[in-house]
Amino acid sequence: MTKTKAAHAQDAKTQAALNPGDEAAPGTKGTGEDICPDCHGKGRIDGAPCATCGGSGTITRAVGGA
């Protein structure tokens, strides 16, 4: 089965929305927002946007643990 152009476009949007500290795309089932461990929720380190959270101050983490 091949992907449609719309599916490829959605994949590209998801990839663009991920930051290096994210464990999954925002809104993924079984995930939630957490404070960035590197900038502690401030979004900046030494005046520059935090590389881990992309400047948002939050990352997406898996929650639970079955």
PDB file of N, CA and C in Angstrom:
ATOM      1  N   MET A   1       0.851  -1.180   0.000  1.00  0.00           N
ATOM      2  CA  MET A   1       0.000   0.000   0.000  1.00  0.00           C
ATOM      3  C   MET A   1       0.894   1.240   0.000  1.00  0.00           C
ATOM      4  N   THR A   2       0.606   2.160  -0.866  1.00  0.00           N
ATOM      5  CA  THR A   2       1.407   3.381  -0.950  1.00  0.00           C
ATOM      6  C   THR A   2       0.668   4.527  -0.288  1.00  0.00           C
ATOM      7  N   LYS A   3       1.444   5.494   0.172  1.00  0.00           N
ATOM      8  CA  LYS A   3       0.855   6.659   0.828  1.00  0.00           C
ATOM      9  C   LYS A   3       0.375   7.666  -0.210  1.00  0.00           C
ATOM     10  N   THR A   4      -0.679   8.360   0.158  1.00  0.00           N
ATOM     11  CA  THR A   4      -1.189   9.422  -0.700  1.00  0.00           C
ATOM     12  C   THR A   4      -0.371  10.685  -0.470  1.00  0.00           C
ATOM     13  N   LYS A   5      -0.545  11.663  -1.338  1.00  0.00           N
ATOM     14  CA  LYS A   5       0.145  12.937  -1.161  1.00  0.00           C
ATOM     15  C   LYS A   5      -0.253  13.578   0.164  1.00  0.00           C
ATOM     16  N   ALA A   6      -1.511  13.449   0.550  1.00  0.00           N
ATOM     17  CA  ALA A   6      -1.982  14.022   1.817  1.00  0.00           C
ATOM     18  C   ALA A   6      -1.288  13.366   3.005  1.00  0.00           C
ATOM     19  N   ALA A   7      -1.093  12.047   2.935  1.00  0.00           N
ATOM     20  CA  ALA A   7      -0.417  11.339   4.022  1.00  0.00           C
ATOM     21  C   ALA A   7       1.034  11.772   4.121  1.00  0.00           C
ATOM     22  N   HIS A   8       1.700  11.954   2.983  1.00  0.00           N
ATOM     23  CA  HIS A   8       3.083  12.430   2.997  1.00  0.00           C
ATOM     24  C   HIS A   8       3.159  13.851   3.555  1.00  0.00           C
ATOM     25  N   ALA A   9       2.197  14.690   3.210  1.00  0.00           N
ATOM     26  CA  ALA A   9       2.174  16.060   3.720  1.00  0.00           C
ATOM     27  C   ALA A   9       1.979  16.055   5.229  1.00  0.00           C
ATOM     28  N   GLN A  10       1.111  15.176   5.735  1.00  0.00           N
ATOM     29  CA  GLN A  10       0.884  15.073   7.185  1.00  0.00           C
ATOM     30  C   GLN A  10       2.152  14.594   7.883  1.00  0.00           C
ATOM     31  N   ASP A  11       2.866  13.623   7.291  1.00  0.00           N
ATOM     32  CA  ASP A  11       4.126  13.147   7.861  1.00  0.00           C
ATOM     33  C   ASP A  11       5.142  14.279   7.946  1.00  0.00           C
ATOM     34  N   ALA A  12       5.197  15.108   6.937  1.00  0.00           N
ATOM     35  CA  ALA A  12       6.132  16.234   6.925  1.00  0.00           C
ATOM     36  C   ALA A  12       5.771  17.236   8.014  1.00  0.00           C
ATOM     37  N   LYS A  13       4.473  17.483   8.223  1.00  0.00           N
ATOM     38  CA  LYS A  13       4.050  18.400   9.278  1.00  0.00           C
ATOM     39  C   LYS A  13       4.419  17.842  10.643  1.00  0.00           C
ATOM     40  N   THR A  14       4.227  16.542  10.845  1.00  0.00           N
ATOM     41  CA  THR A  14       4.560  15.908  12.110  1.00  0.00           C
ATOM     42  C   THR A  14       6.048  16.005  12.376  1.00  0.00           C
ATOM     43  N   GLN A  15       6.855  15.741  11.365  1.00  0.00           N
ATOM     44  CA  GLN A  15       8.299  15.830  11.528  1.00  0.00           C
ATOM     45  C   GLN A  15       8.716  17.242  11.882  1.00  0.00           C
ATOM     46  N   ALA A  16       8.092  18.234  11.272  1.00  0.00           N
ATOM     47  CA  ALA A  16       8.439  19.623  11.534  1.00  0.00           C
ATOM     48  C   ALA A  16       8.047  20.024  12.949  1.00  0.00           C
ATOM     49  N   ALA A  17       7.008  19.425  13.504  1.00  0.00           N
ATOM     50  CA  ALA A  17       6.525  19.788  14.825  1.00  0.00           C
ATOM     51  C   ALA A  17       7.356  19.173  15.942  1.00  0.00           C
ATOM     52  N   LEU A  18       8.153  18.168  15.658  1.00  0.00           N
ATOM     53  CA  LEU A  18       8.953  17.508  16.683  1.00  0.00           C
ATOM     54  C   LEU A  18      10.203  18.310  17.010  1.00  0.00           C
ATOM     55  N   ASN A  19      10.529  18.336  18.288  1.00  0.00           N
ATOM     56  CA  ASN A  19      11.777  18.924  18.752  1.00  0.00           C
ATOM     57  C   ASN A  19      12.668  17.788  19.241  1.00  0.00           C
ATOM     58  N   PRO A  20      13.967  18.004  19.342  1.00  0.00           N
ATOM     59  CA  PRO A  20      14.870  16.925  19.746  1.00  0.00           C
ATOM     60  C   PRO A  20      14.506  16.256  21.079  1.00  0.00           C
ATOM     61  N   GLY A  21      13.898  16.987  21.998  1.00  0.00           N
ATOM     62  CA  GLY A  21      13.542  16.411  23.294  1.00  0.00           C
ATOM     63  C   GLY A  21      12.232  15.649  23.307  1.00  0.00           C
ATOM     64  N   ASP A  22      11.454  15.716  22.220  1.00  0.00           N
ATOM     65  CA  ASP A  22      10.159  15.033  22.157  1.00  0.00           C
ATOM     66  C   ASP A  22      10.338  13.537  21.967  1.00  0.00           C
ATOM     67  N   GLU A  23       9.539  12.765  22.694  1.00  0.00           N
ATOM     68  CA  GLU A  23       9.531  11.319  22.525  1.00  0.00           C
ATOM     69  C   GLU A  23       8.502  10.886  21.484  1.00  0.00           C
ATOM     70  N   ALA A  24       7.558  11.759  21.187  1.00  0.00           N
ATOM     71  CA  ALA A  24       6.514  11.477  20.190  1.00  0.00           C
ATOM     72  C   ALA A  24       5.930  12.797  19.725  1.00  0.00           C
ATOM     73  N   ALA A  25       5.156  12.739  18.667  1.00  0.00           N
ATOM     74  CA  ALA A  25       4.499  13.947  18.154  1.00  0.00           C
ATOM     75  C   ALA A  25       3.448  14.432  19.145  1.00  0.00           C
ATOM     76  N   PRO A  26       3.284  15.748  19.270  1.00  0.00           N
ATOM     77  CA  PRO A  26       2.232  16.274  20.144  1.00  0.00           C
ATOM     78  C   PRO A  26       0.868  15.696  19.771  1.00  0.00           C
ATOM     79  N   GLY A  27       0.093  15.335  20.779  1.00  0.00           N
ATOM     80  CA  GLY A  27      -1.231  14.775  20.558  1.00  0.00           C
ATOM     81  C   GLY A  27      -1.259  13.270  20.381  1.00  0.00           C
ATOM     82  N   THR A  28      -0.082  12.633  20.390  1.00  0.00           N
ATOM     83  CA  THR A  28      -0.030  11.180  20.265  1.00  0.00           C
ATOM     84  C   THR A  28      -0.649  10.547  21.504  1.00  0.00           C
ATOM     85  N   LYS A  29      -1.463   9.535  21.300  1.00  0.00           N
ATOM     86  CA  LYS A  29      -2.116   8.836  22.393  1.00  0.00           C
ATOM     87  C   LYS A  29      -1.056   8.291  23.351  1.00  0.00           C
ATOM     88  N   GLY A  30      -1.270   8.476  24.646  1.00  0.00           N
ATOM     89  CA  GLY A  30      -0.337   7.976  25.651  1.00  0.00           C
ATOM     90  C   GLY A  30       0.830   8.911  25.926  1.00  0.00           C
ATOM     91  N   THR A  31       0.712  10.180  25.493  1.00  0.00           N
ATOM     92  CA  THR A  31       1.762  11.155  25.748  1.00  0.00           C
ATOM     93  C   THR A  31       1.187  12.386  26.420  1.00  0.00           C
ATOM     94  N   GLY A  32       2.068  13.211  26.950  1.00  0.00           N
ATOM     95  CA  GLY A  32       1.656  14.465  27.548  1.00  0.00           C
ATOM     96  C   GLY A  32       2.820  15.433  27.566  1.00  0.00           C
ATOM     97  N   GLU A  33       2.512  16.683  27.845  1.00  0.00           N
ATOM     98  CA  GLU A  33       3.562  17.698  27.904  1.00  0.00           C
ATOM     99  C   GLU A  33       4.269  17.631  29.245  1.00  0.00           C
ATOM    100  N   ASP A  34       5.564  17.926  29.212  1.00  0.00           N
ATOM    101  CA  ASP A  34       6.376  17.992  30.418  1.00  0.00           C
ATOM    102  C   ASP A  34       7.304  19.194  30.279  1.00  0.00           C
ATOM    103  N   ILE A  35       7.774  19.688  31.388  1.00  0.00           N
ATOM    104  CA  ILE A  35       8.711  20.812  31.363  1.00  0.00           C
ATOM    105  C   ILE A  35      10.045  20.326  30.810  1.00  0.00           C
ATOM    106  N   CYS A  36      10.648  21.128  29.960  1.00  0.00           N
ATOM    107  CA  CYS A  36      11.932  20.788  29.355  1.00  0.00           C
ATOM    108  C   CYS A  36      12.988  20.632  30.446  1.00  0.00           C
ATOM    109  N   PRO A  37      13.719  19.520  30.421  1.00  0.00           N
ATOM    110  CA  PRO A  37      14.730  19.294  31.455  1.00  0.00           C
ATOM    111  C   PRO A  37      15.966  20.178  31.304  1.00  0.00           C
ATOM    112  N   ASP A  38      16.176  20.753  30.140  1.00  0.00           N
ATOM    113  CA  ASP A  38      17.376  21.552  29.916  1.00  0.00           C
ATOM    114  C   ASP A  38      17.189  23.027  30.262  1.00  0.00           C
ATOM    115  N   CYS A  39      16.069  23.625  29.854  1.00  0.00           N
ATOM    116  CA  CYS A  39      15.845  25.049  30.131  1.00  0.00           C
ATOM    117  C   CYS A  39      14.894  25.254  31.303  1.00  0.00           C
ATOM    118  N   HIS A  40      14.368  24.157  31.860  1.00  0.00           N
ATOM    119  CA  HIS A  40      13.463  24.187  33.016  1.00  0.00           C
ATOM    120  C   HIS A  40      12.206  25.010  32.743  1.00  0.00           C
ATOM    121  N   GLY A  41      11.711  24.919  31.508  1.00  0.00           N
ATOM    122  CA  GLY A  41      10.455  25.569  31.143  1.00  0.00           C
ATOM    123  C   GLY A  41      10.579  27.002  30.682  1.00  0.00           C
ATOM    124  N   LYS A  42      11.782  27.548  30.664  1.00  0.00           N
ATOM    125  CA  LYS A  42      11.966  28.937  30.260  1.00  0.00           C
ATOM    126  C   LYS A  42      12.009  29.119  28.743  1.00  0.00           C
ATOM    127  N   GLY A  43      12.413  28.086  28.008  1.00  0.00           N
ATOM    128  CA  GLY A  43      12.464  28.164  26.554  1.00  0.00           C
ATOM    129  C   GLY A  43      13.750  28.762  26.017  1.00  0.00           C
ATOM    130  N   ARG A  44      14.598  29.279  26.897  1.00  0.00           N
ATOM    131  CA  ARG A  44      15.849  29.901  26.465  1.00  0.00           C
ATOM    132  C   ARG A  44      16.994  29.459  27.373  1.00  0.00           C
ATOM    133  N   ILE A  45      18.169  29.351  26.773  1.00  0.00           N
ATOM    134  CA  ILE A  45      19.402  29.071  27.512  1.00  0.00           C
ATOM    135  C   ILE A  45      20.428  30.092  27.038  1.00  0.00           C
ATOM    136  N   ASP A  46      20.958  30.855  27.971  1.00  0.00           N
ATOM    137  CA  ASP A  46      21.937  31.905  27.658  1.00  0.00           C
ATOM    138  C   ASP A  46      21.434  32.855  26.563  1.00  0.00           C
ATOM    139  N   GLY A  47      20.147  33.188  26.600  1.00  0.00           N
ATOM    140  CA  GLY A  47      19.574  34.141  25.661  1.00  0.00           C
ATOM    141  C   GLY A  47      19.167  33.574  24.316  1.00  0.00           C
ATOM    142  N   ALA A  48      19.500  32.312  24.059  1.00  0.00           N
ATOM    143  CA  ALA A  48      19.154  31.678  22.782  1.00  0.00           C
ATOM    144  C   ALA A  48      18.039  30.660  23.002  1.00  0.00           C
ATOM    145  N   PRO A  49      17.214  30.399  21.978  1.00  0.00           N
ATOM    146  CA  PRO A  49      16.181  29.371  22.123  1.00  0.00           C
ATOM    147  C   PRO A  49      16.795  28.025  22.498  1.00  0.00           C
ATOM    148  N   CYS A  50      16.158  27.341  23.410  1.00  0.00           N
ATOM    149  CA  CYS A  50      16.621  26.025  23.853  1.00  0.00           C
ATOM    150  C   CYS A  50      16.545  25.039  22.685  1.00  0.00           C
ATOM    151  N   ALA A  51      17.623  24.315  22.461  1.00  0.00           N
ATOM    152  CA  ALA A  51      17.669  23.354  21.360  1.00  0.00           C
ATOM    153  C   ALA A  51      16.815  22.124  21.644  1.00  0.00           C
ATOM    154  N   THR A  52      16.623  21.787  22.898  1.00  0.00           N
ATOM    155  CA  THR A  52      15.866  20.587  23.247  1.00  0.00           C
ATOM    156  C   THR A  52      14.376  20.749  22.994  1.00  0.00           C
ATOM    157  N   CYS A  53      13.817  21.882  23.414  1.00  0.00           N
ATOM    158  CA  CYS A  53      12.370  22.096  23.275  1.00  0.00           C
ATOM    159  C   CYS A  53      12.013  23.043  22.144  1.00  0.00           C
ATOM    160  N   GLY A  54      12.988  23.554  21.434  1.00  0.00           N
ATOM    161  CA  GLY A  54      12.721  24.485  20.343  1.00  0.00           C
ATOM    162  C   GLY A  54      12.236  25.842  20.810  1.00  0.00           C
ATOM    163  N   GLY A  55      12.470  26.153  22.085  1.00  0.00           N
ATOM    164  CA  GLY A  55      12.067  27.444  22.621  1.00  0.00           C
ATOM    165  C   GLY A  55      10.678  27.471  23.234  1.00  0.00           C
ATOM    166  N   SER A  56       9.996  26.337  23.261  1.00  0.00           N
ATOM    167  CA  SER A  56       8.640  26.309  23.809  1.00  0.00           C
ATOM    168  C   SER A  56       8.615  26.141  25.327  1.00  0.00           C
ATOM    169  N   GLY A  57       9.671  25.565  25.888  1.00  0.00           N
ATOM    170  CA  GLY A  57       9.708  25.298  27.327  1.00  0.00           C
ATOM    171  C   GLY A  57       9.105  23.964  27.702  1.00  0.00           C
ATOM    172  N   THR A  58       8.498  23.277  26.733  1.00  0.00           N
ATOM    173  CA  THR A  58       7.900  21.969  27.018  1.00  0.00           C
ATOM    174  C   THR A  58       8.346  20.931  25.987  1.00  0.00           C
ATOM    175  N   ILE A  59       8.292  19.677  26.410  1.00  0.00           N
ATOM    176  CA  ILE A  59       8.558  18.549  25.519  1.00  0.00           C
ATOM    177  C   ILE A  59       7.401  17.570  25.638  1.00  0.00           C
ATOM    178  N   THR A  60       7.276  16.679  24.674  1.00  0.00           N
ATOM    179  CA  THR A  60       6.223  15.657  24.707  1.00  0.00           C
ATOM    180  C   THR A  60       6.852  14.354  25.158  1.00  0.00           C
ATOM    181  N   ARG A  61       6.301  13.761  26.228  1.00  0.00           N
ATOM    182  CA  ARG A  61       6.823  12.513  26.789  1.00  0.00           C
ATOM    183  C   ARG A  61       5.738  11.443  26.818  1.00  0.00           C
ATOM    184  N   ALA A  62       6.195  10.209  26.794  1.00  0.00           N
ATOM    185  CA  ALA A  62       5.288   9.094  26.996  1.00  0.00           C
ATOM    186  C   ALA A  62       4.889   9.069  28.460  1.00  0.00           C
ATOM    187  N   VAL A  63       3.633   8.795  28.737  1.00  0.00           N
ATOM    188  CA  VAL A  63       3.154   8.701  30.108  1.00  0.00           C
ATOM    189  C   VAL A  63       2.621   7.313  30.367  1.00  0.00           C
ATOM    190  N   GLY A  64       2.569   6.940  31.607  1.00  0.00           N
ATOM    191  CA  GLY A  64       2.123   5.599  31.958  1.00  0.00           C
ATOM    192  C   GLY A  64       3.292   4.642  31.832  1.00  0.00           C
ATOM    193  N   GLY A  65       3.037   3.421  31.814  1.00  0.00           N
ATOM    194  CA  GLY A  65       4.107   2.452  31.687  1.00  0.00           C
ATOM    195  C   GLY A  65       3.581   1.053  31.970  1.00  0.00           C
ATOM    196  N   ALA A  66       2.924   0.543  31.022  1.00  0.00           N
ATOM    197  CA  ALA A  66       2.356  -0.789  31.207  1.00  0.00           C
ATOM    198  C   ALA A  66       3.372  -1.835  30.822  1.00  0.00           C
TER     199      ALA A  66
END
